[in-house]
Amino acid sequence: MDFTLGGVDVQAGFPLDVTLLSIGVLAAWWGLIRRHGPTMTRPGQPAVTGRQAAFFVAGVATFWLSDGWPLAALSEHLFSFHMLQHVLQAFVIPPLLLLGLPEWMGDVLLRNDRVRAAVRWLTRPLVAGVLFNLVFLVTHLPAVVAFQLDSEVFHAADHLVLIGSALLMWTPVFSPFPAVLPRMQPLSQMLYLFMMTLLPTIPSAFLLFGDVPLYPVYNAVSQPWDIGLITDMRIGGLIMKLGGGFLLWGIIAVKFFRWAADDERRDRQARIDRMTLSTTQSRGPA
């Protein structure tokens, strides 16, 4: 079944594969909670909080939206929608999924020594950052984008690899298992995320200011609203720059204000402790 958008027929359909994968991820998450939660938590302590459940479900729902209908169909006609998919998969879905995992789950998922060692190495900030940047850049090479449009299997695999590398990149900041996969200190987290903001800058500059279409493969498909390849490319550059950059800068701002508030709270408590100690010493022994 097709629907008309901007004078162009866009294929509509129920994303069965994406739906089944989303249901499978939710079922695996819930199965781990039901099977191991009662034995891994203290009596009276919930195996998963409502906040964690909301984050995880939101992450899976965003994945369904990014790789399902209508974004998947629109991305075959407009590069800007293709870029919107990737921004969601790189900067929105992974943090939501990580925030939805209870801490005890790390003892279940990473109980194998070799798996735990491999994941710890892959989530080192330098390794994770370089790997994610490499995957993100490679997935936006013109030849790779063209192959994605030609092969649904490759396109789906490409998205899963992007999400996987993004999960590694976000772990030093939002690690759900800090005892096994330590989080960076607040200042280090902010510097790390600032380095990640440099990622969208270089490719987005080529997209925003280029006069030659970088993705001529879209010339072979009809485009809604007669946007044109150059305009579509520049919209994609804006989505990359503003979408990824603003999300990262927003998280940096939140972490900065939390760090400043915690630092002020510690200083205030230290002053109170010093005043209490000084008062006690001035009174002398009873």
C-alpha atoms as a PDB file:
ATOM      1  CA  MET A   1       0.000   0.000   0.000  1.00  0.00           C
ATOM      2  CA  ASP A   2       1.287   3.469  -0.894  1.00  0.00           C
ATOM      3  CA  PHE A   3       0.432   6.939   0.295  1.00  0.00           C
ATOM      4  CA  THR A   4       1.066  10.249  -1.394  1.00  0.00           C
ATOM      5  CA  LEU A   5       3.449  12.698   0.239  1.00  0.00           C
ATOM      6  CA  GLY A   6       4.366  15.921  -1.481  1.00  0.00           C
ATOM      7  CA  GLY A   7       3.221  14.540  -4.809  1.00  0.00           C
ATOM      8  CA  VAL A   8       5.310  11.357  -4.468  1.00  0.00           C
ATOM      9  CA  ASP A   9       4.042   7.834  -3.783  1.00  0.00           C
ATOM     10  CA  VAL A  10       5.759   6.506  -0.644  1.00  0.00           C
ATOM     11  CA  GLN A  11       5.416   2.846   0.241  1.00  0.00           C
ATOM     12  CA  ALA A  12       3.521   2.193   3.452  1.00  0.00           C
ATOM     13  CA  GLY A  13       3.735  -1.040   5.351  1.00  0.00           C
ATOM     14  CA  PHE A  14       3.825  -2.599   8.788  1.00  0.00           C
ATOM     15  CA  PRO A  15       7.478  -3.098   9.857  1.00  0.00           C
ATOM     16  CA  LEU A  16       7.152  -6.730  10.943  1.00  0.00           C
ATOM     17  CA  ASP A  17      10.891  -7.333  11.352  1.00  0.00           C
ATOM     18  CA  VAL A  18      11.429  -4.190  13.431  1.00  0.00           C
ATOM     19  CA  THR A  19       8.340  -4.971  15.507  1.00  0.00           C
ATOM     20  CA  LEU A  20       9.458  -8.537  16.217  1.00  0.00           C
ATOM     21  CA  LEU A  21      12.951  -7.353  17.177  1.00  0.00           C
ATOM     22  CA  SER A  22      11.516  -4.685  19.479  1.00  0.00           C
ATOM     23  CA  ILE A  23       9.212  -7.216  21.146  1.00  0.00           C
ATOM     24  CA  GLY A  24      12.142  -9.635  21.477  1.00  0.00           C
ATOM     25  CA  VAL A  25      14.324  -7.032  23.211  1.00  0.00           C
ATOM     26  CA  LEU A  26      11.517  -6.127  25.621  1.00  0.00           C
ATOM     27  CA  ALA A  27      10.804  -9.805  26.280  1.00  0.00           C
ATOM     28  CA  ALA A  28      14.490 -10.535  27.003  1.00  0.00           C
ATOM     29  CA  TRP A  29      14.722  -7.552  29.360  1.00  0.00           C
ATOM     30  CA  TRP A  30      11.547  -8.532  31.192  1.00  0.00           C
ATOM     31  CA  GLY A  31      12.579 -12.193  31.266  1.00  0.00           C
ATOM     32  CA  LEU A  32      15.869 -11.315  32.991  1.00  0.00           C
ATOM     33  CA  ILE A  33      13.967  -9.231  35.532  1.00  0.00           C
ATOM     34  CA  ARG A  34      11.450 -11.980  36.289  1.00  0.00           C
ATOM     35  CA  ARG A  35      14.059 -14.747  36.454  1.00  0.00           C
ATOM     36  CA  HIS A  36      16.946 -13.084  38.259  1.00  0.00           C
ATOM     37  CA  GLY A  37      15.488  -9.967  39.854  1.00  0.00           C
ATOM     38  CA  PRO A  38      14.055 -11.622  43.007  1.00  0.00           C
ATOM     39  CA  THR A  39      17.351 -13.390  43.800  1.00  0.00           C
ATOM     40  CA  MET A  40      19.636 -10.463  42.902  1.00  0.00           C
ATOM     41  CA  THR A  41      17.905  -7.830  45.031  1.00  0.00           C
ATOM     42  CA  ARG A  42      17.275  -7.463  48.750  1.00  0.00           C
ATOM     43  CA  PRO A  43      13.794  -8.266  50.145  1.00  0.00           C
ATOM     44  CA  GLY A  44      11.480  -5.332  49.574  1.00  0.00           C
ATOM     45  CA  GLN A  45      13.738  -3.791  46.943  1.00  0.00           C
ATOM     46  CA  PRO A  46      12.200  -3.637  43.441  1.00  0.00           C
ATOM     47  CA  ALA A  47      14.044  -5.524  40.716  1.00  0.00           C
ATOM     48  CA  VAL A  48      13.465  -2.580  38.410  1.00  0.00           C
ATOM     49  CA  THR A  49      12.197   0.912  39.203  1.00  0.00           C
ATOM     50  CA  GLY A  50       9.422   2.658  37.345  1.00  0.00           C
ATOM     51  CA  ARG A  51      11.959   5.218  36.091  1.00  0.00           C
ATOM     52  CA  GLN A  52      14.177   2.480  34.661  1.00  0.00           C
ATOM     53  CA  ALA A  53      11.218   0.777  33.008  1.00  0.00           C
ATOM     54  CA  ALA A  54      10.110   4.079  31.461  1.00  0.00           C
ATOM     55  CA  PHE A  55      13.603   4.708  30.057  1.00  0.00           C
ATOM     56  CA  PHE A  56      13.957   1.230  28.573  1.00  0.00           C
ATOM     57  CA  VAL A  57      10.497   1.164  26.998  1.00  0.00           C
ATOM     58  CA  ALA A  58      11.111   4.653  25.585  1.00  0.00           C
ATOM     59  CA  GLY A  59      14.390   3.458  24.087  1.00  0.00           C
ATOM     60  CA  VAL A  60      12.759   0.474  22.394  1.00  0.00           C
ATOM     61  CA  ALA A  61       9.840   2.619  21.202  1.00  0.00           C
ATOM     62  CA  THR A  62      12.276   5.139  19.712  1.00  0.00           C
ATOM     63  CA  PHE A  63      14.078   2.299  17.949  1.00  0.00           C
ATOM     64  CA  TRP A  64      10.771   1.122  16.476  1.00  0.00           C
ATOM     65  CA  LEU A  65      10.037   4.669  15.347  1.00  0.00           C
ATOM     66  CA  SER A  66      13.511   5.205  13.857  1.00  0.00           C
ATOM     67  CA  ASP A  67      13.620   1.951  11.899  1.00  0.00           C
ATOM     68  CA  GLY A  68       9.930   1.462  11.259  1.00  0.00           C
ATOM     69  CA  TRP A  69       7.239   3.213   9.316  1.00  0.00           C
ATOM     70  CA  PRO A  70       7.144   5.989   8.207  1.00  0.00           C
ATOM     71  CA  LEU A  71      10.781   7.051   8.795  1.00  0.00           C
ATOM     72  CA  ALA A  72      12.237   4.001   7.038  1.00  0.00           C
ATOM     73  CA  ALA A  73      10.078   4.596   3.960  1.00  0.00           C
ATOM     74  CA  LEU A  74      10.792   8.326   3.895  1.00  0.00           C
ATOM     75  CA  SER A  75      14.542   7.734   4.283  1.00  0.00           C
ATOM     76  CA  GLU A  76      14.508   5.953   0.925  1.00  0.00           C
ATOM     77  CA  HIS A  77      13.385   9.186  -0.736  1.00  0.00           C
ATOM     78  CA  LEU A  78      15.080  11.902   1.340  1.00  0.00           C
ATOM     79  CA  PHE A  79      18.554  11.900   2.851  1.00  0.00           C
ATOM     80  CA  SER A  80      17.368  14.223   5.619  1.00  0.00           C
ATOM     81  CA  PHE A  81      15.103  11.484   6.995  1.00  0.00           C
ATOM     82  CA  HIS A  82      17.980   9.030   6.689  1.00  0.00           C
ATOM     83  CA  MET A  83      20.029  11.391   8.869  1.00  0.00           C
ATOM     84  CA  LEU A  84      17.166  11.723  11.362  1.00  0.00           C
ATOM     85  CA  GLN A  85      17.202   7.950  11.746  1.00  0.00           C
ATOM     86  CA  HIS A  86      20.916   7.963  12.510  1.00  0.00           C
ATOM     87  CA  VAL A  87      20.696  10.809  15.023  1.00  0.00           C
ATOM     88  CA  LEU A  88      18.018   8.917  16.944  1.00  0.00           C
ATOM     89  CA  GLN A  89      20.045   5.697  16.806  1.00  0.00           C
ATOM     90  CA  ALA A  90      23.322   7.303  17.868  1.00  0.00           C
ATOM     91  CA  PHE A  91      22.277   9.923  20.413  1.00  0.00           C
ATOM     92  CA  VAL A  92      18.823   9.060  21.761  1.00  0.00           C
ATOM     93  CA  ILE A  93      18.222   5.304  21.829  1.00  0.00           C
ATOM     94  CA  PRO A  94      21.486   4.145  23.521  1.00  0.00           C
ATOM     95  CA  PRO A  95      21.294   6.442  26.600  1.00  0.00           C
ATOM     96  CA  LEU A  96      17.644   5.484  27.115  1.00  0.00           C
ATOM     97  CA  LEU A  97      18.455   1.769  26.971  1.00  0.00           C
ATOM     98  CA  LEU A  98      21.416   2.111  29.353  1.00  0.00           C
ATOM     99  CA  LEU A  99      19.358   4.100  31.853  1.00  0.00           C
ATOM    100  CA  GLY A 100      16.751   1.355  31.747  1.00  0.00           C
ATOM    101  CA  LEU A 101      19.058  -1.426  32.975  1.00  0.00           C
ATOM    102  CA  PRO A 102      19.121  -2.128  36.744  1.00  0.00           C
ATOM    103  CA  GLU A 103      22.583  -2.389  38.288  1.00  0.00           C
ATOM    104  CA  TRP A 104      22.232  -6.024  39.344  1.00  0.00           C
ATOM    105  CA  MET A 105      21.755  -7.041  35.713  1.00  0.00           C
ATOM    106  CA  GLY A 106      25.473  -6.499  35.147  1.00  0.00           C
ATOM    107  CA  ASP A 107      26.234  -9.526  37.320  1.00  0.00           C
ATOM    108  CA  VAL A 108      24.028 -11.608  35.024  1.00  0.00           C
ATOM    109  CA  LEU A 109      25.002 -10.250  31.614  1.00  0.00           C
ATOM    110  CA  LEU A 110      28.733  -9.965  32.379  1.00  0.00           C
ATOM    111  CA  ARG A 111      29.287 -12.976  34.588  1.00  0.00           C
ATOM    112  CA  ASN A 112      31.576 -14.633  32.031  1.00  0.00           C
ATOM    113  CA  ASP A 113      35.129 -13.420  32.649  1.00  0.00           C
ATOM    114  CA  ARG A 114      36.037 -13.173  28.961  1.00  0.00           C
ATOM    115  CA  VAL A 115      32.856 -11.308  28.067  1.00  0.00           C
ATOM    116  CA  ARG A 116      33.342  -8.916  30.988  1.00  0.00           C
ATOM    117  CA  ALA A 117      36.977  -8.263  30.032  1.00  0.00           C
ATOM    118  CA  ALA A 118      36.050  -7.656  26.388  1.00  0.00           C
ATOM    119  CA  VAL A 119      33.230  -5.266  27.260  1.00  0.00           C
ATOM    120  CA  ARG A 120      35.418  -3.388  29.740  1.00  0.00           C
ATOM    121  CA  TRP A 121      38.060  -2.895  27.059  1.00  0.00           C
ATOM    122  CA  LEU A 122      35.523  -1.830  24.422  1.00  0.00           C
ATOM    123  CA  THR A 123      33.960   0.700  26.790  1.00  0.00           C
ATOM    124  CA  ARG A 124      37.205   2.442  27.654  1.00  0.00           C
ATOM    125  CA  PRO A 125      36.597   6.087  26.715  1.00  0.00           C
ATOM    126  CA  LEU A 126      39.317   6.256  24.070  1.00  0.00           C
ATOM    127  CA  VAL A 127      38.404   2.921  22.476  1.00  0.00           C
ATOM    128  CA  ALA A 128      34.645   3.530  22.599  1.00  0.00           C
ATOM    129  CA  GLY A 129      34.931   7.108  21.322  1.00  0.00           C
ATOM    130  CA  VAL A 130      37.183   6.228  18.397  1.00  0.00           C
ATOM    131  CA  LEU A 131      35.110   3.168  17.458  1.00  0.00           C
ATOM    132  CA  PHE A 132      31.842   5.118  17.510  1.00  0.00           C
ATOM    133  CA  ASN A 133      33.258   8.005  15.488  1.00  0.00           C
ATOM    134  CA  LEU A 134      34.659   5.574  12.940  1.00  0.00           C
ATOM    135  CA  VAL A 135      31.354   3.722  12.569  1.00  0.00           C
ATOM    136  CA  PHE A 136      29.390   6.978  12.358  1.00  0.00           C
ATOM    137  CA  LEU A 137      31.637   8.386   9.654  1.00  0.00           C
ATOM    138  CA  VAL A 138      31.779   5.163   7.623  1.00  0.00           C
ATOM    139  CA  THR A 139      27.994   4.784   7.654  1.00  0.00           C
ATOM    140  CA  HIS A 140      27.715   8.203   6.004  1.00  0.00           C
ATOM    141  CA  LEU A 141      30.128   7.574   3.156  1.00  0.00           C
ATOM    142  CA  PRO A 142      28.278   7.996  -0.162  1.00  0.00           C
ATOM    143  CA  ALA A 143      29.049   4.436  -1.290  1.00  0.00           C
ATOM    144  CA  VAL A 144      27.798   3.001   2.014  1.00  0.00           C
ATOM    145  CA  VAL A 145      24.585   5.051   1.893  1.00  0.00           C
ATOM    146  CA  ALA A 146      24.000   3.890  -1.683  1.00  0.00           C
ATOM    147  CA  PHE A 147      24.462   0.256  -0.656  1.00  0.00           C
ATOM    148  CA  GLN A 148      22.032   0.764   2.226  1.00  0.00           C
ATOM    149  CA  LEU A 149      19.336   1.857  -0.204  1.00  0.00           C
ATOM    150  CA  ASP A 150      20.026  -1.177  -2.407  1.00  0.00           C
ATOM    151  CA  SER A 151      20.052  -3.803   0.350  1.00  0.00           C
ATOM    152  CA  GLU A 152      17.503  -3.934   3.159  1.00  0.00           C
ATOM    153  CA  VAL A 153      19.578  -6.532   5.020  1.00  0.00           C
ATOM    154  CA  PHE A 154      22.700  -4.366   4.906  1.00  0.00           C
ATOM    155  CA  HIS A 155      20.671  -1.314   5.889  1.00  0.00           C
ATOM    156  CA  ALA A 156      19.282  -3.091   8.957  1.00  0.00           C
ATOM    157  CA  ALA A 157      22.708  -4.467   9.910  1.00  0.00           C
ATOM    158  CA  ASP A 158      24.227  -1.016   9.502  1.00  0.00           C
ATOM    159  CA  HIS A 159      21.713   0.454  11.937  1.00  0.00           C
ATOM    160  CA  LEU A 160      22.343  -2.279  14.504  1.00  0.00           C
ATOM    161  CA  VAL A 161      26.111  -1.730  14.271  1.00  0.00           C
ATOM    162  CA  LEU A 162      25.588   2.011  14.740  1.00  0.00           C
ATOM    163  CA  ILE A 163      23.415   1.454  17.827  1.00  0.00           C
ATOM    164  CA  GLY A 164      25.919  -1.076  19.205  1.00  0.00           C
ATOM    165  CA  SER A 165      28.871   1.297  18.811  1.00  0.00           C
ATOM    166  CA  ALA A 166      26.808   4.100  20.338  1.00  0.00           C
ATOM    167  CA  LEU A 167      26.003   1.909  23.356  1.00  0.00           C
ATOM    168  CA  LEU A 168      29.749   1.467  23.887  1.00  0.00           C
ATOM    169  CA  MET A 169      30.348   5.214  23.487  1.00  0.00           C
ATOM    170  CA  TRP A 170      27.659   6.180  26.027  1.00  0.00           C
ATOM    171  CA  THR A 171      28.657   3.586  28.641  1.00  0.00           C
ATOM    172  CA  PRO A 172      31.472   5.664  30.237  1.00  0.00           C
ATOM    173  CA  VAL A 173      28.818   8.314  30.935  1.00  0.00           C
ATOM    174  CA  PHE A 174      25.670   6.291  31.676  1.00  0.00           C
ATOM    175  CA  SER A 175      27.083   2.918  32.708  1.00  0.00           C
ATOM    176  CA  PRO A 176      24.267   0.945  34.353  1.00  0.00           C
ATOM    177  CA  PHE A 177      26.839  -1.324  36.017  1.00  0.00           C
ATOM    178  CA  PRO A 178      29.339   1.076  37.649  1.00  0.00           C
ATOM    179  CA  ALA A 179      30.876  -1.671  39.796  1.00  0.00           C
ATOM    180  CA  VAL A 180      31.819  -3.624  36.656  1.00  0.00           C
ATOM    181  CA  LEU A 181      31.998  -0.863  34.027  1.00  0.00           C
ATOM    182  CA  PRO A 182      33.059   2.277  35.905  1.00  0.00           C
ATOM    183  CA  ARG A 183      31.690   5.664  34.957  1.00  0.00           C
ATOM    184  CA  MET A 184      34.016   8.569  34.325  1.00  0.00           C
ATOM    185  CA  GLN A 185      34.226  11.396  36.845  1.00  0.00           C
ATOM    186  CA  PRO A 186      31.837  14.329  36.136  1.00  0.00           C
ATOM    187  CA  LEU A 187      34.480  16.666  34.717  1.00  0.00           C
ATOM    188  CA  SER A 188      35.894  13.871  32.587  1.00  0.00           C
ATOM    189  CA  GLN A 189      32.398  13.043  31.359  1.00  0.00           C
ATOM    190  CA  MET A 190      31.864  16.632  30.233  1.00  0.00           C
ATOM    191  CA  LEU A 191      35.198  16.716  28.407  1.00  0.00           C
ATOM    192  CA  TYR A 192      34.449  13.347  26.807  1.00  0.00           C
ATOM    193  CA  LEU A 193      31.026  14.491  25.597  1.00  0.00           C
ATOM    194  CA  PHE A 194      32.544  17.727  24.308  1.00  0.00           C
ATOM    195  CA  MET A 195      34.905  15.644  22.185  1.00  0.00           C
ATOM    196  CA  MET A 196      31.865  13.772  20.861  1.00  0.00           C
ATOM    197  CA  THR A 197      30.291  17.082  19.786  1.00  0.00           C
ATOM    198  CA  LEU A 198      33.178  17.475  17.347  1.00  0.00           C
ATOM    199  CA  LEU A 199      31.881  14.425  15.461  1.00  0.00           C
ATOM    200  CA  PRO A 200      28.954  16.117  13.709  1.00  0.00           C
ATOM    201  CA  THR A 201      30.976  19.249  12.909  1.00  0.00           C
ATOM    202  CA  ILE A 202      33.189  18.032  10.048  1.00  0.00           C
ATOM    203  CA  PRO A 203      30.702  15.993   7.984  1.00  0.00           C
ATOM    204  CA  SER A 204      27.880  18.451   8.667  1.00  0.00           C
ATOM    205  CA  ALA A 205      30.054  21.272   7.298  1.00  0.00           C
ATOM    206  CA  PHE A 206      30.393  19.405   3.988  1.00  0.00           C
ATOM    207  CA  LEU A 207      26.644  18.823   3.953  1.00  0.00           C
ATOM    208  CA  LEU A 208      25.674  22.382   4.891  1.00  0.00           C
ATOM    209  CA  PHE A 209      28.043  24.303   2.631  1.00  0.00           C
ATOM    210  CA  GLY A 210      28.644  21.903  -0.238  1.00  0.00           C
ATOM    211  CA  ASP A 211      27.411  22.807  -3.716  1.00  0.00           C
ATOM    212  CA  VAL A 212      27.789  19.293  -5.123  1.00  0.00           C
ATOM    213  CA  PRO A 213      25.392  16.514  -4.039  1.00  0.00           C
ATOM    214  CA  LEU A 214      27.314  14.080  -1.857  1.00  0.00           C
ATOM    215  CA  TYR A 215      24.635  11.416  -2.224  1.00  0.00           C
ATOM    216  CA  PRO A 216      23.704  11.247  -5.920  1.00  0.00           C
ATOM    217  CA  VAL A 217      21.969   7.925  -5.269  1.00  0.00           C
ATOM    218  CA  TYR A 218      18.948   9.971  -4.174  1.00  0.00           C
ATOM    219  CA  ASN A 219      18.816  11.421  -7.671  1.00  0.00           C
ATOM    220  CA  ALA A 220      17.468   8.061  -8.850  1.00  0.00           C
ATOM    221  CA  VAL A 221      14.408   8.224  -6.578  1.00  0.00           C
ATOM    222  CA  SER A 222      11.504  10.646  -6.540  1.00  0.00           C
ATOM    223  CA  GLN A 223      11.660  13.326  -3.854  1.00  0.00           C
ATOM    224  CA  PRO A 224       8.603  14.731  -2.042  1.00  0.00           C
ATOM    225  CA  TRP A 225       7.907  18.445  -2.394  1.00  0.00           C
ATOM    226  CA  ASP A 226      10.590  18.734  -5.102  1.00  0.00           C
ATOM    227  CA  ILE A 227      13.139  19.602  -2.437  1.00  0.00           C
ATOM    228  CA  GLY A 228      16.173  18.911  -4.591  1.00  0.00           C
ATOM    229  CA  LEU A 229      19.361  17.066  -3.696  1.00  0.00           C
ATOM    230  CA  ILE A 230      21.296  20.094  -2.427  1.00  0.00           C
ATOM    231  CA  THR A 231      18.487  21.342  -0.169  1.00  0.00           C
ATOM    232  CA  ASP A 232      17.840  17.838   1.129  1.00  0.00           C
ATOM    233  CA  MET A 233      21.564  17.407   1.825  1.00  0.00           C
ATOM    234  CA  ARG A 234      21.707  20.696   3.742  1.00  0.00           C
ATOM    235  CA  ILE A 235      18.663  19.782   5.820  1.00  0.00           C
ATOM    236  CA  GLY A 236      20.422  16.517   6.662  1.00  0.00           C
ATOM    237  CA  GLY A 237      23.512  18.501   7.686  1.00  0.00           C
ATOM    238  CA  LEU A 238      21.391  20.669   9.982  1.00  0.00           C
ATOM    239  CA  ILE A 239      19.850  17.581  11.574  1.00  0.00           C
ATOM    240  CA  MET A 240      23.307  16.105  12.133  1.00  0.00           C
ATOM    241  CA  LYS A 241      24.743  19.315  13.553  1.00  0.00           C
ATOM    242  CA  LEU A 242      21.807  20.539  15.610  1.00  0.00           C
ATOM    243  CA  GLY A 243      20.291  17.182  16.526  1.00  0.00           C
ATOM    244  CA  GLY A 244      23.471  15.481  17.683  1.00  0.00           C
ATOM    245  CA  GLY A 245      25.196  18.634  18.908  1.00  0.00           C
ATOM    246  CA  PHE A 246      22.278  20.036  20.897  1.00  0.00           C
ATOM    247  CA  LEU A 247      21.590  16.707  22.560  1.00  0.00           C
ATOM    248  CA  LEU A 248      25.217  16.381  23.645  1.00  0.00           C
ATOM    249  CA  TRP A 249      25.469  20.001  24.793  1.00  0.00           C
ATOM    250  CA  GLY A 250      22.196  19.616  26.686  1.00  0.00           C
ATOM    251  CA  ILE A 251      23.582  16.636  28.591  1.00  0.00           C
ATOM    252  CA  ILE A 252      26.843  18.514  29.228  1.00  0.00           C
ATOM    253  CA  ALA A 253      24.863  21.452  30.671  1.00  0.00           C
ATOM    254  CA  VAL A 254      22.806  19.207  32.954  1.00  0.00           C
ATOM    255  CA  LYS A 255      25.913  17.420  34.193  1.00  0.00           C
ATOM    256  CA  PHE A 256      27.728  20.733  34.776  1.00  0.00           C
ATOM    257  CA  PHE A 257      24.933  22.183  36.923  1.00  0.00           C
ATOM    258  CA  ARG A 258      24.629  18.930  38.885  1.00  0.00           C
ATOM    259  CA  TRP A 259      28.395  18.858  39.431  1.00  0.00           C
ATOM    260  CA  ALA A 260      28.389  22.525  40.541  1.00  0.00           C
ATOM    261  CA  ALA A 261      25.468  21.905  42.922  1.00  0.00           C
ATOM    262  CA  ASP A 262      27.153  18.825  44.418  1.00  0.00           C
ATOM    263  CA  ASP A 263      30.427  20.715  44.803  1.00  0.00           C
ATOM    264  CA  GLU A 264      28.660  23.586  46.555  1.00  0.00           C
ATOM    265  CA  ARG A 265      26.843  21.134  48.818  1.00  0.00           C
ATOM    266  CA  ARG A 266      30.131  19.478  49.797  1.00  0.00           C
ATOM    267  CA  ASP A 267      31.766  22.841  50.503  1.00  0.00           C
ATOM    268  CA  ARG A 268      28.818  23.925  52.639  1.00  0.00           C
ATOM    269  CA  GLN A 269      28.910  20.674  54.606  1.00  0.00           C
ATOM    270  CA  ALA A 270      32.682  21.046  55.079  1.00  0.00           C
ATOM    271  CA  ARG A 271      32.202  24.571  56.477  1.00  0.00           C
ATOM    272  CA  ILE A 272      29.513  23.331  58.855  1.00  0.00           C
ATOM    273  CA  ASP A 273      31.780  20.506  60.025  1.00  0.00           C
ATOM    274  CA  ARG A 274      34.666  22.938  60.631  1.00  0.00           C
ATOM    275  CA  MET A 275      32.418  25.318  62.589  1.00  0.00           C
ATOM    276  CA  THR A 276      31.075  22.432  64.662  1.00  0.00           C
ATOM    277  CA  LEU A 277      34.590  21.186  65.396  1.00  0.00           C
ATOM    278  CA  SER A 278      35.797  24.710  66.267  1.00  0.00           C
ATOM    279  CA  THR A 279      32.849  25.250  68.631  1.00  0.00           C
ATOM    280  CA  THR A 280      33.452  21.894  70.308  1.00  0.00           C
ATOM    281  CA  GLN A 281      37.174  22.634  70.788  1.00  0.00           C
ATOM    282  CA  SER A 282      36.541  26.147  72.166  1.00  0.00           C
ATOM    283  CA  ARG A 283      34.265  24.773  74.865  1.00  0.00           C
ATOM    284  CA  GLY A 284      36.981  22.442  76.016  1.00  0.00           C
ATOM    285  CA  PRO A 285      36.490  19.157  77.838  1.00  0.00           C
ATOM    286  CA  ALA A 286      33.352  18.799  79.897  1.00  0.00           C
END
